[in-house]
Amino acid sequence: MKRKSYGDELQQVPTSHPDYGAIARVAVQYNGNALQHVPTERPDYGELAKLAVTQNGNALEWVPTHRADYAALAALAALATIATIALSAPVSGL
């Protein structure tokens, strides 16, 4: 069974949908790259971006660099990337 990415599905949801924020939250928690489909002018964009870069540090690519919280989001993205690398590294000596 193929795992859903949720990125493409989020693109199909109208941003005017009353539950768009909740749907976007679920999407970026499962696939941080779904952030590319979230309008940056949303009032909750910072929160969604935080969830996205925590799930996948590479999602920082979709965050505008002029945002006041960009440095904090970049730090979270770096931590998420380090954690991913650490968790995927082979364990020796066990």
Protein backbone atom coordinates (compact mmCIF):
# COMPACT_ATOMS: atom_id res chain seq x y z
CA MET A 1 0.00 0.00 0.00
CA LYS A 2 1.41 3.37 -1.01
CA ARG A 3 1.68 5.90 1.80
CA LYS A 4 -0.10 9.15 1.09
CA SER A 5 2.04 12.24 0.88
CA TYR A 6 -0.79 14.68 1.76
CA GLY A 7 0.97 17.42 -0.21
CA ASP A 8 -0.98 16.96 -3.40
CA GLU A 9 -4.20 16.41 -1.49
CA LEU A 10 -3.80 19.74 0.31
CA GLN A 11 -3.45 21.46 -3.04
CA GLN A 12 -6.96 20.25 -3.87
CA VAL A 13 -8.54 21.90 -0.80
CA PRO A 14 -9.81 25.43 -1.41
CA THR A 15 -8.11 27.87 0.94
CA SER A 16 -11.55 29.33 1.62
CA HIS A 17 -12.72 26.02 3.11
CA PRO A 18 -13.76 26.65 6.74
CA ASP A 19 -11.53 23.79 7.95
CA TYR A 20 -8.52 24.60 5.76
CA GLY A 21 -6.30 25.39 8.76
CA ALA A 22 -7.04 22.06 10.44
CA ILE A 23 -6.58 20.17 7.17
CA ALA A 24 -3.29 21.96 6.48
CA ARG A 25 -2.10 21.15 10.00
CA VAL A 26 -2.64 17.41 9.43
CA ALA A 27 -1.03 17.60 5.99
CA VAL A 28 2.20 19.29 7.15
CA GLN A 29 2.48 16.99 10.16
CA TYR A 30 2.53 13.99 7.80
CA ASN A 31 4.54 15.63 5.03
CA GLY A 32 6.34 18.87 5.77
CA ASN A 33 6.65 19.58 2.06
CA ALA A 34 2.89 20.10 1.94
CA LEU A 35 3.81 23.58 3.19
CA GLN A 36 4.46 24.56 -0.42
CA HIS A 37 0.69 24.60 -0.93
CA VAL A 38 -0.09 26.80 2.09
CA PRO A 39 -0.56 30.50 1.31
CA THR A 40 2.12 32.49 3.13
CA GLU A 41 -0.31 35.28 4.02
CA ARG A 42 -2.36 33.03 6.30
CA PRO A 43 -2.36 34.22 9.93
CA ASP A 44 -1.42 30.69 11.05
CA TYR A 45 1.36 30.26 8.48
CA GLY A 46 4.10 30.52 11.13
CA GLU A 47 2.55 27.75 13.17
CA LEU A 48 2.08 25.56 10.09
CA ALA A 49 5.66 26.25 8.98
CA LYS A 50 6.93 25.24 12.42
CA LEU A 51 5.09 21.93 12.19
CA ALA A 52 6.32 21.40 8.63
CA VAL A 53 10.03 22.00 9.29
CA THR A 54 9.86 19.90 12.45
CA GLN A 55 8.47 17.01 10.40
CA ASN A 56 10.94 17.55 7.54
CA GLY A 57 13.80 20.03 7.75
CA ASN A 58 13.82 20.32 3.96
CA ALA A 59 10.42 22.03 4.15
CA LEU A 60 12.32 25.21 5.02
CA GLU A 61 12.66 25.55 1.23
CA TRP A 62 9.03 26.74 1.14
CA VAL A 63 9.39 29.41 3.84
CA PRO A 64 10.00 32.96 2.60
CA THR A 65 13.37 34.17 3.88
CA HIS A 66 12.03 37.65 4.72
CA ARG A 67 9.79 36.34 7.52
CA ALA A 68 10.64 37.63 10.99
CA ASP A 69 10.60 34.04 12.31
CA TYR A 70 12.78 32.61 9.53
CA ALA A 71 15.87 32.16 11.74
CA ALA A 72 13.86 30.28 14.36
CA LEU A 73 12.30 28.08 11.68
CA ALA A 74 15.74 27.44 10.17
CA ALA A 75 17.01 26.34 13.59
CA LEU A 76 14.09 23.92 13.95
CA ALA A 77 14.74 22.61 10.45
CA ALA A 78 18.40 22.01 11.29
CA LEU A 79 17.47 20.12 14.45
CA ALA A 80 14.94 18.00 12.55
CA THR A 81 17.54 17.17 9.91
CA ILE A 82 20.15 16.24 12.51
CA ALA A 83 17.61 14.02 14.29
CA THR A 84 16.71 12.30 11.02
CA ILE A 85 20.37 11.63 10.24
CA ALA A 86 21.04 10.38 13.76
CA LEU A 87 18.06 8.04 13.69
CA SER A 88 19.01 6.61 10.30
CA ALA A 89 22.67 6.03 11.15
CA PRO A 90 23.65 2.41 11.75
CA VAL A 91 24.21 1.52 15.37
CA SER A 92 27.48 -0.27 16.00
CA GLY A 93 28.73 -2.10 19.02
CA LEU A 94 25.39 -3.52 20.11
